[in-house]
């Protein structure tokens, strides 16, 4: 099966376009771009140097992948942008390449980045993560597998959002969001377990109980006590791995449990 490239598309001779891929009208593909099998590139898209689109990724109209990082420290060194297998990038969304020499910005397999969202340099979206319309990620943000960031929310650079977390819409995220929890309100606060996401992912009552005790321990005592509880509890290996990964990565303050008291 040959690739389908619209006559108005501009594809650099050095770009690698796999069999079964399609490139829509007026799209531009630079050199050092790899387009995997079954990829669909919509109209008016731009794929800049260093971009890799893995199998069956989809770019909707106007998406820009691999743009230069908006980082004054960037020296122009080669870096990459990777869009994982089956991921979809919505209309006019932007994903910038890494600002680190040899580094990469990555959108994981089956992730969904909706229209007008921005994924800045050196961000990582793990498999199945969802950014709703017009979400704006600063540089070096890490979004865990299956996490959901609702529309019009801005996320500060170097923030870590744990696997399976849910963040409400129109918010400012400048703290780390633990796995499987909800972040709601302004100021942002802990909104309990993301029960909807957990149940959709097949979590049983035992898993919900384990996470409930973990987070009550975390917020009523401290992180070390909560992690000691997790180590002493058999099973729940997937959830423990997500918690360990979060605490290993986090660099900012932890999401608070309660809304701060009003000033007098």
Protein backbone atom coordinates (compact mmCIF):
# COMPACT_ATOMS: atom_id res chain seq x y z
CA UNK A 1 0.00 0.00 0.00
CA UNK A 2 1.44 3.37 -1.01
CA UNK A 3 1.13 6.61 0.93
CA UNK A 4 -1.48 9.19 -0.13
CA UNK A 5 -0.01 12.69 -0.37
CA UNK A 6 -2.28 15.49 -1.57
CA UNK A 7 -0.83 17.37 -4.56
CA UNK A 8 -0.80 20.66 -2.63
CA UNK A 9 1.17 19.22 0.31
CA UNK A 10 4.87 20.11 0.54
CA UNK A 11 6.92 17.10 1.62
CA UNK A 12 10.71 17.37 1.83
CA UNK A 13 12.50 14.68 -0.20
CA UNK A 14 14.40 13.58 2.91
CA UNK A 15 11.21 13.00 4.95
CA UNK A 16 10.34 9.36 5.58
CA UNK A 17 6.68 8.59 4.83
CA UNK A 18 5.55 5.03 5.48
CA UNK A 19 3.18 2.98 3.41
CA UNK A 20 -0.47 3.60 4.23
CA UNK A 21 0.08 7.12 5.59
CA UNK A 22 -1.89 10.08 4.25
CA UNK A 23 -1.02 13.80 4.15
CA UNK A 24 -3.76 16.34 3.56
CA UNK A 25 -3.97 19.53 1.50
CA UNK A 26 -1.46 22.32 2.08
CA UNK A 27 0.37 20.50 4.86
CA UNK A 28 4.15 21.01 5.16
CA UNK A 29 6.57 18.22 6.13
CA UNK A 30 10.20 19.20 6.71
CA UNK A 31 13.35 17.10 6.49
CA UNK A 32 14.16 14.63 9.29
CA UNK A 33 10.48 13.81 9.80
CA UNK A 34 9.28 10.21 10.08
CA UNK A 35 5.63 9.37 9.45
CA UNK A 36 4.67 5.84 10.46
CA UNK A 37 2.25 3.38 8.85
CA UNK A 38 -1.41 4.40 8.86
CA UNK A 39 -0.73 7.94 10.10
CA UNK A 40 -3.29 10.54 9.00
CA UNK A 41 -2.11 14.13 8.65
CA UNK A 42 -4.98 16.56 8.10
CA UNK A 43 -4.98 19.78 6.06
CA UNK A 44 -2.76 22.78 6.86
CA UNK A 45 -0.57 20.86 9.33
CA UNK A 46 3.14 21.54 9.86
CA UNK A 47 5.61 18.81 10.80
CA UNK A 48 8.99 20.31 11.61
CA UNK A 49 12.39 18.65 11.69
CA UNK A 50 12.91 16.04 14.38
CA UNK A 51 9.28 14.87 14.42
CA UNK A 52 8.27 11.20 14.63
CA UNK A 53 4.65 10.15 14.20
CA UNK A 54 4.20 6.54 15.26
CA UNK A 55 1.72 4.05 13.78
CA UNK A 56 -1.83 5.36 13.18
CA UNK A 57 -1.33 8.69 14.90
CA UNK A 58 -3.79 11.36 13.73
CA UNK A 59 -3.23 15.09 13.26
CA UNK A 60 -6.34 17.19 12.75
CA UNK A 61 -6.31 20.35 10.63
CA UNK A 62 -3.77 23.03 11.46
CA UNK A 63 -1.79 21.08 14.07
CA UNK A 64 1.88 22.11 14.40
CA UNK A 65 4.29 19.44 15.63
CA UNK A 66 7.95 19.99 16.44
CA UNK A 67 8.00 23.78 16.64
CA UNK A 68 11.01 25.45 18.23
CA UNK A 69 10.93 25.48 22.03
CA UNK A 70 9.88 28.78 23.56
CA UNK A 71 12.85 28.79 25.90
CA UNK A 72 15.48 31.53 25.93
CA UNK A 73 18.12 28.97 26.93
CA UNK A 74 17.58 26.99 23.72
CA UNK A 75 20.74 26.94 21.61
CA UNK A 76 19.37 25.37 18.43
CA UNK A 77 20.69 21.86 19.08
CA UNK A 78 18.93 18.89 17.50
CA UNK A 79 16.07 17.36 19.50
CA UNK A 80 12.87 15.42 18.89
CA UNK A 81 9.10 15.42 19.14
CA UNK A 82 7.40 12.02 19.33
CA UNK A 83 3.68 11.41 18.87
CA UNK A 84 2.84 7.88 20.00
CA UNK A 85 0.90 5.16 18.23
CA UNK A 86 -2.80 5.91 17.94
CA UNK A 87 -2.48 9.35 19.56
CA UNK A 88 -4.62 12.19 18.23
CA UNK A 89 -3.66 15.86 18.08
CA UNK A 90 -6.64 18.18 17.60
CA UNK A 91 -7.18 21.20 15.40
CA UNK A 92 -4.52 23.92 15.76
CA UNK A 93 -2.90 22.25 18.74
CA UNK A 94 0.88 22.72 19.09
CA UNK A 95 3.56 20.36 20.40
CA UNK A 96 7.06 21.88 20.65
CA UNK A 97 10.28 19.92 20.46
CA UNK A 98 12.71 19.53 23.33
CA UNK A 99 14.96 22.39 24.38
CA UNK A 100 17.58 19.88 25.59
CA UNK A 101 20.20 18.65 23.09
CA UNK A 102 19.16 15.14 22.10
CA UNK A 103 16.04 15.33 24.28
CA UNK A 104 12.44 14.75 23.29
CA UNK A 105 8.93 15.97 23.92
CA UNK A 106 6.60 12.95 23.95
CA UNK A 107 2.87 12.41 23.57
CA UNK A 108 2.17 8.79 24.48
CA UNK A 109 0.21 6.10 22.71
CA UNK A 110 -3.56 6.70 22.47
CA UNK A 111 -3.22 10.09 24.13
CA UNK A 112 -5.66 12.81 23.08
CA UNK A 113 -4.66 16.47 22.79
CA UNK A 114 -7.75 18.46 21.87
CA UNK A 115 -8.08 21.61 19.78
CA UNK A 116 -5.94 24.68 20.56
CA UNK A 117 -4.01 22.94 23.35
CA UNK A 118 -0.28 23.61 23.74
CA UNK A 119 2.32 21.04 24.82
CA UNK A 120 5.55 22.88 25.55
CA UNK A 121 9.12 21.68 25.23
CA UNK A 122 10.22 18.59 27.17
CA UNK A 123 6.72 17.67 28.32
CA UNK A 124 5.73 14.01 28.59
CA UNK A 125 2.17 12.78 28.24
CA UNK A 126 2.03 9.12 29.11
CA UNK A 127 -0.24 6.62 27.36
CA UNK A 128 -3.93 7.49 27.32
CA UNK A 129 -3.54 10.97 28.84
CA UNK A 130 -6.13 13.55 27.78
CA UNK A 131 -5.74 17.32 27.43
CA UNK A 132 -9.07 19.00 26.70
CA UNK A 133 -9.54 22.08 24.53
CA UNK A 134 -7.08 24.96 25.02
CA UNK A 135 -5.13 23.38 27.90
CA UNK A 136 -1.72 25.07 28.12
CA UNK A 137 1.27 23.12 29.46
CA UNK A 138 4.48 24.88 30.46
CA UNK A 139 7.83 23.23 29.82
CA UNK A 140 8.87 19.94 31.46
CA UNK A 141 5.35 19.03 32.63
CA UNK A 142 4.79 15.30 33.18
CA UNK A 143 1.24 13.97 32.76
CA UNK A 144 0.72 10.39 33.94
CA UNK A 145 -1.06 7.60 32.11
CA UNK A 146 -4.80 8.10 31.82
CA UNK A 147 -4.79 11.51 33.52
CA UNK A 148 -7.33 14.11 32.35
CA UNK A 149 -6.79 17.88 32.30
CA UNK A 150 -10.03 19.73 31.58
CA UNK A 151 -10.39 22.63 29.16
CA UNK A 152 -8.82 26.08 29.50
CA UNK A 153 -6.56 24.98 32.36
CA UNK A 154 -2.97 26.26 32.55
CA UNK A 155 -0.21 24.10 34.03
CA UNK A 156 3.01 25.61 35.41
CA UNK A 157 6.37 24.34 34.18
CA UNK A 158 7.90 21.31 35.94
CA UNK A 159 4.52 20.26 37.37
CA UNK A 160 3.85 16.52 37.79
CA UNK A 161 0.33 15.19 37.29
CA UNK A 162 -0.02 11.62 38.50
CA UNK A 163 -1.53 8.70 36.61
CA UNK A 164 -5.31 8.62 36.57
CA UNK A 165 -5.69 12.10 38.05
CA UNK A 166 -8.47 14.49 37.04
CA UNK A 167 -8.11 18.29 36.95
CA UNK A 168 -11.12 20.56 36.56
CA UNK A 169 -11.54 23.18 33.85
CA UNK A 170 -10.45 26.80 33.76
CA UNK A 171 -7.96 26.37 36.60
CA UNK A 172 -4.33 27.25 37.37
CA UNK A 173 -2.15 24.28 38.27
CA UNK A 174 1.10 25.22 40.01
CA UNK A 175 1.37 22.25 42.40
CA UNK A 176 1.91 18.52 41.87
CA UNK A 177 -1.27 16.46 41.55
CA UNK A 178 -1.10 12.95 43.05
CA UNK A 179 -2.26 9.86 41.14
CA UNK A 180 -5.94 8.89 41.02
CA UNK A 181 -7.07 12.11 42.73
CA UNK A 182 -9.16 15.09 41.67
CA UNK A 183 -7.90 18.67 41.72
CA UNK A 184 -10.72 21.21 41.87
CA UNK A 185 -11.44 24.83 42.71
CA UNK A 186 -9.54 28.07 42.96
CA UNK A 187 -7.27 27.96 44.89
CA UNK A 188 -6.69 24.40 43.71
CA UNK A 189 -7.39 21.71 46.31
CA UNK A 190 -7.76 17.95 46.74
CA UNK A 191 -11.25 16.87 45.67
CA UNK A 192 -11.10 13.21 46.68
CA UNK A 193 -10.41 10.13 44.62
CA UNK A 194 -11.19 10.18 40.92
CA UNK A 195 -13.79 7.46 41.39
CA UNK A 196 -15.20 7.76 37.89
CA UNK A 197 -11.81 7.25 36.29
CA UNK A 198 -10.87 4.45 38.68
CA UNK A 199 -14.09 2.53 38.05
CA UNK A 200 -13.80 2.98 34.31
CA UNK A 201 -10.30 1.52 34.63
CA UNK A 202 -11.64 -1.55 36.42
CA UNK A 203 -10.68 -0.70 40.02
CA UNK A 204 -12.40 -2.97 42.53
CA UNK A 205 -13.55 -2.04 46.06
CA UNK A 206 -10.27 -3.28 47.52
CA UNK A 207 -8.28 -0.89 45.33
CA UNK A 208 -10.53 2.02 46.26
CA UNK A 209 -10.11 1.20 49.95
CA UNK A 210 -6.31 0.98 49.60
CA UNK A 211 -6.12 4.38 47.92
CA UNK A 212 -8.55 5.94 50.39
CA UNK A 213 -6.40 4.87 53.34
CA UNK A 214 -3.22 5.95 51.54
CA UNK A 215 -4.50 9.47 50.97
CA UNK A 216 -6.02 9.85 54.42
CA UNK A 217 -2.62 8.88 55.81
CA UNK A 218 -0.83 11.24 53.43
CA UNK A 219 -2.95 14.26 54.35
CA UNK A 220 -3.47 13.52 58.05
CA UNK A 221 0.16 12.49 58.69
CA UNK A 222 2.79 12.81 55.96
CA UNK A 223 4.19 11.25 52.82
CA UNK A 224 6.57 8.92 54.63
CA UNK A 225 3.76 7.44 56.74
CA UNK A 226 1.62 6.97 53.64
CA UNK A 227 4.42 5.26 51.73
CA UNK A 228 5.16 3.03 54.73
CA UNK A 229 1.49 1.98 54.72
CA UNK A 230 1.71 1.18 51.00
CA UNK A 231 4.86 -0.90 51.46
CA UNK A 232 3.23 -2.89 54.25
CA UNK A 233 0.07 -3.62 52.25
CA UNK A 234 0.23 -6.63 49.89
CA UNK A 235 -1.04 -6.35 46.32
CA UNK A 236 -2.08 -3.25 44.34
CA UNK A 237 1.16 -3.30 42.40
CA UNK A 238 -0.05 -1.04 39.57
CA UNK A 239 -1.26 1.62 41.98
CA UNK A 240 1.91 1.39 44.07
CA UNK A 241 4.05 1.80 40.94
CA UNK A 242 2.10 4.95 39.99
CA UNK A 243 2.50 6.36 43.51
CA UNK A 244 6.24 5.56 43.60
CA UNK A 245 6.73 7.17 40.19
CA UNK A 246 4.90 10.31 41.30
CA UNK A 247 6.90 10.77 44.50
CA UNK A 248 10.16 10.13 42.62
CA UNK A 249 9.35 12.79 40.01
CA UNK A 250 7.66 15.56 41.95
CA UNK A 251 9.48 18.86 42.35
CA UNK A 252 6.78 21.33 43.31
CA UNK A 253 4.50 21.63 46.36
CA UNK A 254 1.88 18.92 46.85
CA UNK A 255 -1.78 19.66 46.14
CA UNK A 256 -3.39 20.81 49.41
CA UNK A 257 -6.31 18.98 50.94
CA UNK A 258 -8.39 21.92 52.12
CA UNK A 259 -9.13 25.39 50.87
CA UNK A 260 -7.04 27.91 52.82
CA UNK A 261 -8.91 29.88 55.47
CA UNK A 262 -9.89 33.41 54.34
CA UNK A 263 -7.66 36.22 55.55
CA UNK A 264 -9.07 38.39 58.37
